[in-house]
Structures are given as structure tokens and as C-alpha cells.
Amino acid sequence: MPITVTFSDAEQQKIEAIVIDKDKDAALRYCSDLLDKFRGHPGHACGPKSAEGSPGHG
């Protein structure tokens, strides 16, 4: 199943800086942060969970 990842302008600049500086430690930290983001959002294939309670109060 393909996954599309988008980056903000600030995130893109951070990635470019890591690549330009060839900073291996920063690259590993950034990859670790990305993996944490993916792991932190399991099961959202069908969209966000609906709010509980009556309509208009979520």
C-alpha cells in the first residue's frame, strides 16, 4: 500500500540542511522522529475517529 508523505517548507529546509552538511547524527534523529510520527497514527485509513456525543458538540 503506497504512502504519500508531505513536508512543510520548514521541514524541507531542515532536510536540505542535513543533506548539505552531511550531518549523519542529525539525519538519524530526523528519521527517528519521522518513524515516531508514523507509529503514533495507526489505524487512520478510514479517516479520523468521529467525535463522541451528540452532533454539534464534538
N, C-alpha and C. Protein backbone atom coordinates (compact mmCIF):
# COMPACT_ATOMS: atom_id res chain seq x y z
N MET A 1 0.84 -1.17 0.00
CA MET A 1 0.00 0.00 0.00
C MET A 1 0.90 1.24 0.00
N PRO A 2 0.81 2.10 -1.02
CA PRO A 2 1.65 3.29 -1.09
C PRO A 2 1.26 4.32 -0.04
N ILE A 3 2.24 5.04 0.42
CA ILE A 3 2.03 6.11 1.40
C ILE A 3 2.58 7.39 0.80
N THR A 4 1.82 8.47 0.90
CA THR A 4 2.28 9.77 0.45
C THR A 4 2.64 10.60 1.67
N VAL A 5 3.83 11.14 1.67
CA VAL A 5 4.31 11.96 2.77
C VAL A 5 4.55 13.36 2.23
N THR A 6 4.02 14.36 2.91
CA THR A 6 4.26 15.74 2.52
C THR A 6 5.02 16.45 3.64
N PHE A 7 5.84 17.40 3.26
CA PHE A 7 6.65 18.15 4.21
C PHE A 7 6.34 19.63 4.09
N SER A 8 6.35 20.31 5.21
CA SER A 8 6.19 21.76 5.21
C SER A 8 7.47 22.39 4.66
N ASP A 9 7.41 23.68 4.38
CA ASP A 9 8.61 24.37 3.89
C ASP A 9 9.74 24.29 4.91
N ALA A 10 9.40 24.44 6.19
CA ALA A 10 10.42 24.38 7.24
C ALA A 10 11.05 22.99 7.33
N GLU A 11 10.21 21.95 7.20
CA GLU A 11 10.74 20.58 7.23
C GLU A 11 11.63 20.32 6.03
N GLN A 12 11.24 20.81 4.87
CA GLN A 12 12.05 20.64 3.67
C GLN A 12 13.40 21.34 3.82
N GLN A 13 13.40 22.53 4.40
CA GLN A 13 14.65 23.25 4.62
C GLN A 13 15.55 22.49 5.59
N LYS A 14 14.94 21.89 6.61
CA LYS A 14 15.72 21.11 7.59
C LYS A 14 16.36 19.91 6.91
N ILE A 15 15.61 19.23 6.06
CA ILE A 15 16.14 18.07 5.33
C ILE A 15 17.28 18.50 4.42
N GLU A 16 17.09 19.60 3.70
CA GLU A 16 18.14 20.10 2.80
C GLU A 16 19.40 20.46 3.58
N ALA A 17 19.24 21.06 4.75
CA ALA A 17 20.40 21.43 5.56
C ALA A 17 21.16 20.19 6.02
N ILE A 18 20.43 19.16 6.41
CA ILE A 18 21.07 17.91 6.83
C ILE A 18 21.86 17.30 5.67
N VAL A 19 21.25 17.30 4.48
CA VAL A 19 21.92 16.72 3.31
C VAL A 19 23.15 17.55 2.93
N ILE A 20 23.01 18.86 2.90
CA ILE A 20 24.12 19.73 2.51
C ILE A 20 25.29 19.58 3.50
N ASP A 21 24.96 19.54 4.81
CA ASP A 21 26.01 19.44 5.84
C ASP A 21 26.54 18.01 6.00
N LYS A 22 25.84 17.04 5.38
CA LYS A 22 26.21 15.63 5.53
C LYS A 22 26.29 15.25 7.02
N ASP A 23 25.30 15.73 7.78
CA ASP A 23 25.25 15.52 9.22
C ASP A 23 24.53 14.21 9.52
N LYS A 24 25.31 13.15 9.71
CA LYS A 24 24.73 11.82 9.92
C LYS A 24 23.90 11.75 11.19
N ASP A 25 24.38 12.36 12.27
CA ASP A 25 23.63 12.31 13.53
C ASP A 25 22.29 13.01 13.41
N ALA A 26 22.28 14.17 12.78
CA ALA A 26 21.02 14.90 12.59
C ALA A 26 20.08 14.11 11.68
N ALA A 27 20.62 13.46 10.67
CA ALA A 27 19.79 12.66 9.76
C ALA A 27 19.14 11.50 10.51
N LEU A 28 19.90 10.83 11.36
CA LEU A 28 19.34 9.72 12.13
C LEU A 28 18.26 10.20 13.09
N ARG A 29 18.49 11.33 13.74
CA ARG A 29 17.47 11.89 14.64
C ARG A 29 16.21 12.23 13.88
N TYR A 30 16.37 12.84 12.70
CA TYR A 30 15.21 13.23 11.90
C TYR A 30 14.43 12.00 11.44
N CYS A 31 15.14 10.96 11.00
CA CYS A 31 14.47 9.73 10.58
C CYS A 31 13.74 9.09 11.75
N SER A 32 14.35 9.12 12.91
CA SER A 32 13.71 8.57 14.10
C SER A 32 12.43 9.34 14.43
N ASP A 33 12.48 10.66 14.31
CA ASP A 33 11.28 11.49 14.55
C ASP A 33 10.18 11.16 13.55
N LEU A 34 10.56 10.96 12.29
CA LEU A 34 9.57 10.61 11.27
C LEU A 34 8.91 9.27 11.59
N LEU A 35 9.71 8.29 11.99
CA LEU A 35 9.15 6.98 12.33
C LEU A 35 8.19 7.10 13.50
N ASP A 36 8.53 7.92 14.48
CA ASP A 36 7.63 8.12 15.63
C ASP A 36 6.30 8.71 15.18
N LYS A 37 6.34 9.63 14.22
CA LYS A 37 5.10 10.22 13.71
C LYS A 37 4.23 9.16 13.05
N PHE A 38 4.85 8.27 12.27
CA PHE A 38 4.09 7.22 11.59
C PHE A 38 3.52 6.23 12.59
N ARG A 39 4.30 5.88 13.58
CA ARG A 39 3.85 4.92 14.59
C ARG A 39 2.76 5.51 15.47
N GLY A 40 2.77 6.82 15.62
CA GLY A 40 1.81 7.48 16.50
C GLY A 40 0.43 7.61 15.91
N HIS A 41 0.22 7.22 14.65
CA HIS A 41 -1.07 7.41 14.00
C HIS A 41 -1.56 6.13 13.33
N PRO A 42 -1.67 5.04 14.09
CA PRO A 42 -2.14 3.80 13.47
C PRO A 42 -3.64 3.82 13.21
N GLY A 43 -4.06 3.11 12.22
CA GLY A 43 -5.48 2.89 12.00
C GLY A 43 -6.27 4.05 11.46
N HIS A 44 -5.64 5.00 10.83
CA HIS A 44 -6.38 6.14 10.29
C HIS A 44 -6.69 5.98 8.81
N ALA A 45 -6.73 4.76 8.36
CA ALA A 45 -7.00 4.52 6.95
C ALA A 45 -8.40 4.98 6.54
N CYS A 46 -9.32 5.00 7.48
CA CYS A 46 -10.69 5.40 7.18
C CYS A 46 -10.98 6.83 7.63
N GLY A 47 -9.97 7.56 7.99
CA GLY A 47 -10.16 8.94 8.42
C GLY A 47 -10.17 9.03 9.93
N PRO A 48 -10.31 10.25 10.44
CA PRO A 48 -10.27 10.44 11.89
C PRO A 48 -11.49 9.80 12.57
N LYS A 49 -11.31 9.47 13.82
CA LYS A 49 -12.39 8.88 14.61
C LYS A 49 -13.46 9.94 14.83
N SER A 50 -14.71 9.54 14.69
CA SER A 50 -15.79 10.50 14.87
C SER A 50 -15.87 10.92 16.33
N ALA A 51 -16.29 12.13 16.56
CA ALA A 51 -16.43 12.65 17.91
C ALA A 51 -17.57 11.94 18.62
N GLU A 52 -17.38 11.72 19.91
CA GLU A 52 -18.42 11.09 20.69
C GLU A 52 -19.39 12.15 21.20
N GLY A 53 -20.61 11.77 21.44
CA GLY A 53 -21.60 12.70 21.94
C GLY A 53 -22.57 13.09 20.85
N SER A 54 -23.42 14.01 21.19
CA SER A 54 -24.45 14.42 20.22
C SER A 54 -23.84 15.31 19.13
N PRO A 55 -24.44 15.34 17.94
CA PRO A 55 -23.92 16.15 16.85
C PRO A 55 -23.81 17.63 17.24
N GLY A 56 -22.74 18.24 16.78
CA GLY A 56 -22.53 19.66 17.06
C GLY A 56 -21.85 19.93 18.39
N HIS A 57 -21.54 18.87 19.13
CA HIS A 57 -20.89 19.04 20.43
C HIS A 57 -19.57 18.29 20.50
N GLY A 58 -18.92 18.06 19.33
CA GLY A 58 -17.68 17.28 19.30
C GLY A 58 -16.53 18.15 19.21
